[in-house]
Amino acid sequence: MKVLLISANTVVEPYAVYPLGLDYVAAALAADHEVACLDMNVVAEDDALTVAIHRFAPDLIGVSLRNIDNTDALNPESYVPLYRRLVEKIRQFCDVPIVLGGSAFTMFPETLMALLDADYGIVGEGERMPQLLDALENGDNPSKIHGVICRSGASTQALPLSEASNGRLSATPAGIDFYLRHGGMLNLQTKRGCPFRCVYCSYPNIEGRVMRHHAPSKIAEDALARQDAGARYLFITDSAFNADPEHSLAVARALKSIGLTIPWGGFFAPIRMPGGYFDILAECGLTHVEFGTEALCDSVLQAYGKPFRVSHVFDAHRAARAAGLHVAHYFLFAGPGESEQTLATSLSRIDRLNKTVLFLFCGMRIYPHTALYELALKHGQIESDPSILEPVFYRSPRITVSRAADMIAEHAKDRKNWVHAAGGEATGEILDRMYRGGFSGPLWEFLIR
């Protein structure tokens, strides 16, 4: 069967994100099917999409949906209309089954199936697609496959796969070139599943709570392949790279052993780590640490379900800085347990984080299958029947999102290392100019004060 996989994401702010998920699905299909990948960041124009579909003449099209919205409570934007236009355009020129997948689809499968008029959907990991194709080719009922839903069927929470296919690059040279020209960054995944229980996080629903590791040697081979393809920086997409310290150390050592010379970074939880942890990672090429800190008030961290406290944040920060690493912290205000007093406490303590960049978000997006969803339901902020596909945010009873934003703006006082959300269009334009000038990587280190 000829299968066309499409990445629907077109968001490039603050920088373009390579569609790694398509590589995994393409690799799972490659042995038995003819596969082509199409990235809407690369195609951009409708005419090019039409030409690509006619040229390949697929028997089935898979559409990967990355994000539902921008998660910005002050300026919310849904991406669903973009996805609807894409599927409508496909239907105009091609009458083959459409299969939806991706993280956004997994969060709202039944709603998106109906809105986008899809034929099938895959909840969870897209490597289930070979099972779906086998069922279609053999005349079997696809709805019997765990995690696969049809037009008339209800979805189930898919069990995580025991093993994932490899992450080899499957994009066309033109597709890779787009990301090399827009920051030089390609992605890498070292494991799936998140053991943490943050109240707002959708990762456990998408990937499961049990960590499933890729072999460090295989990760290193994939990393080297990306370097050979022209990548100048690698970003590890794990929810928290250091969730398993021993595995992350083994991965770092494998990257060094195989001869990787380009820098890399990823998301980290500011939890207690073994002595010398960040020193070893720095010796193996790590340059950027992005901590998911969220607050600097213990009562709020507890309400958020975080596995660390304020003292751990400062310990992790000092250790990363001592290792010579660039450090950024992400904060998420106005969630459960937040008040003007707790926010003021966090802001005062942020001032003690030296030599760092701060990405500040206000408002906590409510997603299904999270503790925050249950909390909002309990407090009457949402109802169980209506969809929350449109951006809906938790409302703290003791502080509004707008008040939190005002407090942050007043405290920041135009300091350039205090960045609201991802920085918006202005930041995207600055990064784009720097990329055109030959810079690569996330570049937030230039804001460090």
Protein backbone atom coordinates (compact mmCIF):
# COMPACT_ATOMS: atom_id res chain seq x y z
CA MET A 1 0.00 0.00 0.00
CA LYS A 2 1.18 3.54 -0.78
CA VAL A 3 0.96 5.68 2.36
CA LEU A 4 1.40 9.44 2.50
CA LEU A 5 2.19 10.79 5.98
CA ILE A 6 1.53 14.50 6.52
CA SER A 7 2.73 16.66 9.38
CA ALA A 8 0.04 19.32 9.77
CA ASN A 9 2.01 21.63 12.06
CA THR A 10 2.95 25.04 10.63
CA VAL A 11 3.94 26.83 13.84
CA VAL A 12 7.54 28.08 13.63
CA GLU A 13 7.64 30.39 16.66
CA PRO A 14 9.93 30.66 18.43
CA TYR A 15 11.60 28.13 16.11
CA ALA A 16 10.60 25.37 13.72
CA VAL A 17 10.22 21.90 15.25
CA TYR A 18 11.18 18.91 13.13
CA PRO A 19 8.30 16.35 12.96
CA LEU A 20 10.10 13.44 14.62
CA GLY A 21 6.89 11.46 15.08
CA LEU A 22 6.55 10.94 11.34
CA ASP A 23 9.99 9.31 11.28
CA TYR A 24 8.84 6.68 13.78
CA VAL A 25 5.65 5.92 11.88
CA ALA A 26 7.45 5.83 8.52
CA ALA A 27 10.04 3.42 9.91
CA ALA A 28 7.28 1.15 11.24
CA LEU A 29 5.67 1.04 7.78
CA ALA A 30 8.78 0.89 5.61
CA ALA A 31 9.18 -2.89 5.47
CA ASP A 32 5.77 -3.61 3.93
CA HIS A 33 4.57 -0.37 2.37
CA GLU A 34 5.71 2.45 0.12
CA VAL A 35 5.86 5.57 2.29
CA ALA A 36 6.23 9.27 1.55
CA CYS A 37 6.31 12.12 4.07
CA LEU A 38 4.98 15.63 3.58
CA ASP A 39 5.69 18.46 6.01
CA MET A 40 3.29 21.42 5.82
CA ASN A 41 6.06 23.68 7.12
CA VAL A 42 7.95 22.83 3.95
CA VAL A 43 5.06 22.67 1.48
CA ALA A 44 3.37 25.87 2.71
CA GLU A 45 1.28 26.45 -0.42
CA ASP A 46 -1.92 24.57 -1.36
CA ASP A 47 -0.76 24.05 -4.94
CA ALA A 48 2.36 22.24 -3.73
CA LEU A 49 0.21 20.00 -1.53
CA THR A 50 -1.98 19.14 -4.49
CA VAL A 51 1.01 18.37 -6.70
CA ALA A 52 2.54 16.16 -4.04
CA ILE A 53 -0.66 14.15 -3.63
CA HIS A 54 -1.16 13.69 -7.39
CA ARG A 55 2.48 12.76 -7.94
CA PHE A 56 2.58 10.09 -5.23
CA ALA A 57 -1.05 8.87 -5.70
CA PRO A 58 -1.43 7.41 -2.20
CA ASP A 59 -3.83 4.65 -1.21
CA LEU A 60 -4.14 6.11 2.28
CA ILE A 61 -3.16 9.39 3.97
CA GLY A 62 -2.12 9.78 7.59
CA VAL A 63 -2.31 13.26 9.12
CA SER A 64 -0.36 14.00 12.29
CA LEU A 65 -1.75 16.72 14.58
CA ARG A 66 0.90 18.07 16.95
CA ASN A 67 -0.80 20.71 19.14
CA ILE A 68 -4.40 21.73 19.78
CA ASP A 69 -3.64 25.37 20.57
CA ASN A 70 -0.91 27.72 21.76
CA THR A 71 -1.76 27.24 25.48
CA ASP A 72 -1.62 31.03 25.98
CA ALA A 73 -4.42 32.15 28.31
CA LEU A 74 -3.92 35.84 27.45
CA ASN A 75 -3.94 35.36 23.67
CA PRO A 76 -5.45 31.93 22.99
CA GLU A 77 -5.31 30.53 19.46
CA SER A 78 -6.76 27.23 18.34
CA TYR A 79 -5.06 25.30 15.53
CA VAL A 80 -8.14 23.22 14.75
CA PRO A 81 -9.34 25.52 11.91
CA LEU A 82 -5.95 25.04 10.25
CA TYR A 83 -6.33 21.26 10.50
CA ARG A 84 -9.86 21.44 9.12
CA ARG A 85 -8.72 23.42 6.07
CA LEU A 86 -5.93 20.92 5.44
CA VAL A 87 -8.26 17.91 5.50
CA GLU A 88 -10.80 19.71 3.32
CA LYS A 89 -8.07 20.47 0.79
CA ILE A 90 -7.00 16.80 0.77
CA ARG A 91 -10.61 15.72 0.21
CA GLN A 92 -10.91 18.03 -2.80
CA PHE A 93 -8.14 16.27 -4.68
CA CYS A 94 -7.96 12.79 -3.23
CA ASP A 95 -10.65 10.24 -2.32
CA VAL A 96 -8.71 7.82 -0.12
CA PRO A 97 -9.05 6.96 3.59
CA ILE A 98 -7.66 9.57 5.99
CA VAL A 99 -6.16 8.48 9.28
CA LEU A 100 -5.62 10.99 12.09
CA GLY A 101 -2.95 10.68 14.76
CA GLY A 102 -0.50 12.63 16.84
CA SER A 103 -0.51 14.06 20.34
CA ALA A 104 -3.31 16.57 19.70
CA PHE A 105 -5.55 13.86 18.28
CA THR A 106 -4.88 11.56 21.23
CA MET A 107 -6.23 14.20 23.61
CA PHE A 108 -9.50 14.76 21.70
CA PRO A 109 -10.01 11.72 19.44
CA GLU A 110 -13.80 11.49 19.10
CA THR A 111 -14.25 15.25 18.73
CA LEU A 112 -11.56 15.59 16.07
CA MET A 113 -12.77 12.53 14.19
CA ALA A 114 -16.15 14.20 13.81
CA LEU A 115 -14.89 17.72 13.12
CA LEU A 116 -12.36 16.67 10.50
CA ASP A 117 -14.53 13.95 8.95
CA ALA A 118 -11.74 11.36 9.13
CA ASP A 119 -12.09 7.67 8.35
CA TYR A 120 -9.84 6.28 11.07
CA GLY A 121 -7.81 7.51 14.02
CA ILE A 122 -4.91 6.15 16.05
CA VAL A 123 -4.90 7.01 19.75
CA GLY A 124 -1.44 7.06 21.29
CA GLU A 125 1.62 5.90 19.41
CA GLY A 126 1.41 5.99 15.64
CA GLU A 127 3.41 2.80 15.20
CA ARG A 128 0.05 1.00 15.38
CA MET A 129 -0.59 2.03 11.79
CA PRO A 130 0.80 -1.24 10.31
CA GLN A 131 -1.90 -3.13 12.23
CA LEU A 132 -4.54 -0.84 10.78
CA LEU A 133 -3.24 -1.31 7.23
CA ASP A 134 -3.11 -5.08 7.67
CA ALA A 135 -6.74 -5.07 8.78
CA LEU A 136 -7.80 -2.95 5.81
CA GLU A 137 -5.92 -5.13 3.33
CA ASN A 138 -7.33 -8.35 4.83
CA GLY A 139 -10.89 -7.11 5.13
CA ASP A 140 -10.83 -7.29 8.94
CA ASN A 141 -12.58 -4.91 11.33
CA PRO A 142 -10.04 -2.18 12.29
CA SER A 143 -12.04 -1.17 15.37
CA LYS A 144 -10.90 -4.37 17.07
CA ILE A 145 -7.33 -3.06 17.15
CA HIS A 146 -6.57 -1.46 20.49
CA GLY A 147 -6.10 2.28 20.03
CA VAL A 148 -7.69 2.42 16.55
CA ILE A 149 -11.08 4.08 16.14
CA CYS A 150 -13.42 4.34 13.17
CA ARG A 151 -16.08 6.86 12.22
CA SER A 152 -18.75 5.22 14.37
CA GLY A 153 -16.58 3.89 17.18
CA ALA A 154 -15.55 5.28 20.54
CA SER A 155 -11.87 5.51 21.38
CA THR A 156 -10.03 3.73 24.14
CA GLN A 157 -6.93 4.87 25.98
CA ALA A 158 -4.28 2.97 24.05
CA LEU A 159 -1.79 0.83 25.91
CA PRO A 160 1.79 2.01 25.33
CA LEU A 161 3.78 -0.13 22.93
CA SER A 162 6.46 -2.30 24.51
CA GLU A 163 8.95 -1.21 21.87
CA ALA A 164 9.09 1.69 19.45
CA SER A 165 10.52 1.64 15.95
CA ASN A 166 13.75 3.44 15.21
CA GLY A 167 13.96 7.19 14.71
CA ARG A 168 15.85 7.26 11.44
CA LEU A 169 15.40 10.32 9.27
CA SER A 170 12.69 9.76 6.68
CA ALA A 171 12.14 13.34 5.50
CA THR A 172 13.14 14.34 2.01
CA PRO A 173 16.38 16.34 1.60
CA ALA A 174 14.22 19.43 0.99
CA GLY A 175 12.32 18.73 4.20
CA ILE A 176 15.46 18.47 6.28
CA ASP A 177 16.90 21.55 4.61
CA PHE A 178 14.01 23.67 5.87
CA TYR A 179 14.99 22.96 9.48
CA LEU A 180 18.68 23.34 8.77
CA ARG A 181 17.94 26.82 7.41
CA HIS A 182 15.66 27.68 10.35
CA GLY A 183 17.96 27.07 13.29
CA GLY A 184 19.83 23.94 12.23
CA MET A 185 17.99 21.90 14.87
CA LEU A 186 16.78 18.33 14.57
CA ASN A 187 15.15 16.24 17.29
CA LEU A 188 15.98 13.09 19.17
CA GLN A 189 14.01 10.92 21.60
CA THR A 190 15.66 8.71 24.23
CA LYS A 191 12.61 7.22 25.95
CA ARG A 192 8.85 7.37 26.20
CA GLY A 193 6.57 7.58 29.20
CA CYS A 194 6.65 9.95 32.17
CA PRO A 195 6.50 8.77 35.82
CA PHE A 196 5.74 12.22 37.22
CA ARG A 197 2.22 13.29 38.19
CA CYS A 198 2.02 16.97 37.31
CA VAL A 199 -1.66 17.92 37.47
CA TYR A 200 -1.83 19.60 34.06
CA CYS A 201 0.35 17.33 31.95
CA SER A 202 -0.95 15.28 29.01
CA TYR A 203 2.24 13.24 28.53
CA PRO A 204 1.07 10.26 30.66
CA ASN A 205 -2.11 10.03 28.58
CA ILE A 206 -0.15 10.20 25.33
CA GLU A 207 2.87 8.04 26.21
CA GLY A 208 1.94 6.25 29.44
CA ARG A 209 3.51 6.52 32.90
CA VAL A 210 6.01 3.67 32.56
CA MET A 211 9.31 4.73 31.01
CA ARG A 212 10.36 2.71 27.97
CA HIS A 213 13.95 3.33 27.02
CA HIS A 214 15.63 3.34 23.65
CA ALA A 215 19.04 1.69 23.69
CA PRO A 216 21.79 4.31 24.21
CA SER A 217 23.81 2.85 21.32
CA LYS A 218 20.83 3.17 18.97
CA ILE A 219 20.16 6.73 20.14
CA ALA A 220 23.79 7.58 19.43
CA GLU A 221 23.53 6.16 15.90
CA ASP A 222 20.42 8.26 15.24
CA ALA A 223 22.16 11.34 16.62
CA LEU A 224 25.19 10.82 14.41
CA ALA A 225 22.93 10.36 11.38
CA ARG A 226 21.37 13.74 12.11
CA GLN A 227 24.78 15.33 12.43
CA ASP A 228 25.83 13.79 9.12
CA ALA A 229 22.63 15.17 7.55
CA GLY A 230 23.73 18.67 8.51
CA ALA A 231 22.18 19.26 11.94
CA ARG A 232 24.07 21.81 14.02
CA TYR A 233 22.11 21.21 17.21
CA LEU A 234 20.00 18.37 18.67
CA PHE A 235 17.04 18.80 21.00
CA ILE A 236 15.94 15.83 23.09
CA THR A 237 12.15 15.70 23.10
CA ASP A 238 11.66 13.58 26.26
CA SER A 239 9.23 15.09 28.76
CA ALA A 240 12.18 15.14 31.18
CA PHE A 241 15.53 13.82 29.99
CA ASN A 242 16.73 13.24 33.56
CA ALA A 243 13.64 11.34 34.75
CA ASP A 244 15.91 8.28 34.72
CA PRO A 245 19.36 9.58 35.71
CA GLU A 246 21.26 6.38 34.92
CA HIS A 247 19.76 6.01 31.44
CA SER A 248 20.37 9.69 30.62
CA LEU A 249 24.01 9.34 31.69
CA ALA A 250 24.36 6.24 29.51
CA VAL A 251 22.87 8.13 26.57
CA ALA A 252 25.23 11.07 27.05
CA ARG A 253 28.26 8.79 27.20
CA ALA A 254 27.10 6.97 24.07
CA LEU A 255 26.81 10.30 22.22
CA LYS A 256 30.37 11.17 23.17
CA SER A 257 31.69 7.69 22.38
CA ILE A 258 30.23 7.63 18.86
CA GLY A 259 31.88 10.95 18.01
CA LEU A 260 29.00 13.41 18.14
CA THR A 261 30.47 16.90 18.01
CA ILE A 262 27.40 19.15 17.76
CA PRO A 263 25.79 20.59 20.93
CA TRP A 264 22.53 19.33 22.35
CA GLY A 265 19.94 20.21 24.96
CA GLY A 266 16.59 19.21 26.38
CA PHE A 267 13.98 19.53 29.12
CA PHE A 268 14.95 18.63 32.68
CA ALA A 269 13.11 18.37 35.97
CA PRO A 270 14.90 20.23 38.79
CA ILE A 271 14.99 17.14 40.97
CA ARG A 272 17.83 15.90 43.15
CA MET A 273 20.49 14.34 40.89
CA PRO A 274 23.65 12.30 41.57
CA GLY A 275 26.80 14.28 42.34
CA GLY A 276 28.60 15.44 39.21
CA TYR A 277 25.59 14.65 36.99
CA PHE A 278 25.63 17.86 34.98
CA ASP A 279 29.42 17.85 34.75
CA ILE A 280 29.33 14.48 33.01
CA LEU A 281 26.59 15.64 30.62
CA ALA A 282 28.52 18.80 29.82
CA GLU A 283 31.61 16.73 29.02
CA CYS A 284 29.45 14.72 26.62
CA GLY A 285 28.17 17.73 24.67
CA LEU A 286 25.17 19.04 26.61
CA THR A 287 25.03 22.84 26.36
CA HIS A 288 21.44 23.88 27.19
CA VAL A 289 19.30 22.91 30.19
CA GLU A 290 15.62 23.90 30.21
CA PHE A 291 14.12 23.32 33.66
CA GLY A 292 10.37 22.82 34.04
CA THR A 293 10.32 24.69 37.35
CA GLU A 294 6.80 26.22 37.22
CA ALA A 295 6.88 27.95 40.66
CA LEU A 296 9.16 28.82 43.55
CA CYS A 297 6.67 28.33 46.34
CA ASP A 298 6.45 24.90 47.96
CA SER A 299 2.69 24.98 48.49
CA VAL A 300 2.13 25.71 44.79
CA LEU A 301 4.60 23.04 43.69
CA GLN A 302 2.71 20.58 45.85
CA ALA A 303 -0.62 21.67 44.37
CA TYR A 304 0.87 21.26 40.88
CA GLY A 305 1.91 17.69 41.74
CA LYS A 306 5.60 18.42 41.24
CA PRO A 307 8.18 15.86 42.48
CA PHE A 308 10.51 18.57 43.83
CA ARG A 309 10.54 21.58 46.11
CA VAL A 310 12.15 25.04 46.01
CA SER A 311 15.42 23.89 47.57
CA HIS A 312 15.81 21.28 44.83
CA VAL A 313 15.37 23.94 42.14
CA PHE A 314 18.22 26.03 43.50
CA ASP A 315 20.43 22.97 43.94
CA ALA A 316 19.82 21.89 40.33
CA HIS A 317 20.35 25.42 39.06
CA ARG A 318 23.68 25.77 40.85
CA ALA A 319 24.86 22.38 39.64
CA ALA A 320 24.00 23.13 36.00
CA ARG A 321 25.59 26.56 36.16
CA ALA A 322 28.73 25.17 37.84
CA ALA A 323 29.05 22.73 34.92
CA GLY A 324 29.17 25.68 32.52
CA LEU A 325 25.75 25.06 31.00
CA HIS A 326 23.26 27.58 29.67
CA VAL A 327 20.19 27.46 31.92
CA ALA A 328 16.56 28.46 31.40
CA HIS A 329 13.57 28.03 33.70
CA TYR A 330 9.93 27.68 32.65
CA PHE A 331 7.27 29.01 35.02
CA LEU A 332 3.52 28.44 34.94
CA PHE A 333 1.50 30.82 37.14
CA ALA A 334 -2.15 31.13 38.21
CA GLY A 335 -2.78 27.42 38.54
CA PRO A 336 -4.18 25.48 41.53
CA GLY A 337 -2.97 26.83 44.86
CA GLU A 338 -1.83 30.14 43.38
CA SER A 339 -2.62 33.47 45.05
CA GLU A 340 -1.17 36.96 44.97
CA GLN A 341 0.94 36.02 47.99
CA THR A 342 2.34 32.81 46.50
CA LEU A 343 3.05 34.54 43.19
CA ALA A 344 4.85 37.36 44.98
CA THR A 345 6.92 34.74 46.80
CA SER A 346 7.89 33.05 43.53
CA LEU A 347 8.79 36.36 41.90
CA SER A 348 11.03 37.39 44.76
CA ARG A 349 12.83 34.06 44.70
CA ILE A 350 13.26 34.16 40.92
CA ASP A 351 15.55 37.13 41.45
CA ARG A 352 17.95 34.74 43.18
CA LEU A 353 18.31 32.60 40.05
CA ASN A 354 21.45 34.09 38.52
CA LYS A 355 22.61 33.81 34.93
CA THR A 356 19.43 32.39 33.47
CA VAL A 357 16.53 33.01 31.10
CA LEU A 358 12.97 32.85 32.39
CA PHE A 359 10.01 31.81 30.24
CA LEU A 360 6.86 32.93 32.04
CA PHE A 361 3.41 31.52 31.28
CA CYS A 362 0.13 32.58 32.90
CA GLY A 363 -2.86 30.26 32.95
CA MET A 364 -3.03 26.49 33.01
CA ARG A 365 -4.73 24.83 30.02
CA ILE A 366 -7.19 22.08 30.99
CA TYR A 367 -6.79 18.83 29.07
CA PRO A 368 -8.78 15.58 29.38
CA HIS A 369 -7.31 12.67 31.36
CA THR A 370 -5.44 14.97 33.75
CA ALA A 371 -5.83 15.69 37.46
CA LEU A 372 -6.49 19.32 36.54
CA TYR A 373 -9.50 18.24 34.47
CA GLU A 374 -10.94 16.40 37.46
CA LEU A 375 -10.26 19.38 39.72
CA ALA A 376 -11.95 21.80 37.32
CA LEU A 377 -14.89 19.42 37.00
CA LYS A 378 -15.18 19.16 40.78
CA HIS A 379 -15.16 22.95 41.18
CA GLY A 380 -17.75 23.47 38.45
CA GLN A 381 -15.39 25.26 36.07
CA ILE A 382 -16.17 22.80 33.27
CA GLU A 383 -18.85 20.24 32.54
CA SER A 384 -18.25 16.65 31.53
CA ASP A 385 -20.38 16.74 28.38
CA PRO A 386 -19.32 19.85 26.41
CA SER A 387 -15.98 19.61 24.65
CA ILE A 388 -13.03 21.67 25.86
CA LEU A 389 -11.42 21.55 22.44
CA GLU A 390 -11.43 25.34 22.39
CA PRO A 391 -8.79 26.64 24.83
CA VAL A 392 -10.15 26.47 28.39
CA PHE A 393 -7.98 27.47 31.36
CA TYR A 394 -8.15 26.74 35.06
CA ARG A 395 -9.44 29.66 37.16
CA SER A 396 -7.70 30.03 40.48
CA PRO A 397 -10.17 31.30 43.11
CA ARG A 398 -7.51 33.60 44.60
CA ILE A 399 -5.93 35.26 41.56
CA THR A 400 -6.92 35.92 37.96
CA VAL A 401 -4.68 35.32 34.99
CA SER A 402 -4.74 39.02 34.10
CA ARG A 403 -3.73 40.00 37.65
CA ALA A 404 -0.88 37.47 37.57
CA ALA A 405 0.29 38.89 34.23
CA ASP A 406 0.24 42.42 35.63
CA MET A 407 2.30 41.39 38.67
CA ILE A 408 4.87 39.70 36.46
CA ALA A 409 5.11 42.66 34.08
CA GLU A 410 5.64 45.03 36.99
CA HIS A 411 8.31 42.84 38.54
CA ALA A 412 10.13 42.15 35.27
CA LYS A 413 10.62 45.83 34.52
CA ASP A 414 11.61 45.22 30.89
CA ARG A 415 14.43 42.82 31.74
CA LYS A 416 15.19 40.99 28.52
CA ASN A 417 15.80 37.63 30.20
CA TRP A 418 12.18 37.63 31.45
CA VAL A 419 10.24 36.35 28.44
CA HIS A 420 6.45 36.09 28.32
CA ALA A 421 5.50 32.65 26.98
CA ALA A 422 7.67 31.87 23.93
CA GLY A 423 8.23 35.53 23.13
CA GLY A 424 5.60 35.94 20.40
CA GLU A 425 6.11 37.11 16.83
CA ALA A 426 8.77 39.66 17.79
CA THR A 427 11.00 36.95 19.23
CA GLY A 428 10.34 34.74 16.22
CA GLU A 429 11.43 37.52 13.87
CA ILE A 430 14.64 38.12 15.83
CA LEU A 431 15.48 34.42 15.81
CA ASP A 432 14.77 34.19 12.10
CA ARG A 433 17.22 37.02 11.40
CA MET A 434 19.87 35.35 13.54
CA TYR A 435 19.32 32.02 11.77
CA ARG A 436 19.74 33.71 8.42
CA GLY A 437 22.97 35.16 9.79
CA GLY A 438 24.36 31.70 10.46
CA PHE A 439 23.41 31.16 14.12
CA SER A 440 21.93 27.82 15.20
CA GLY A 441 20.23 26.26 18.19
CA PRO A 442 17.56 27.76 20.46
CA LEU A 443 19.63 30.97 20.98
CA TRP A 444 17.92 31.95 24.24
CA GLU A 445 21.38 31.97 25.84
CA PHE A 446 21.90 35.41 24.31
CA LEU A 447 19.24 36.74 26.70
CA ILE A 448 20.96 35.51 29.85
CA ARG A 449 21.51 38.20 32.46
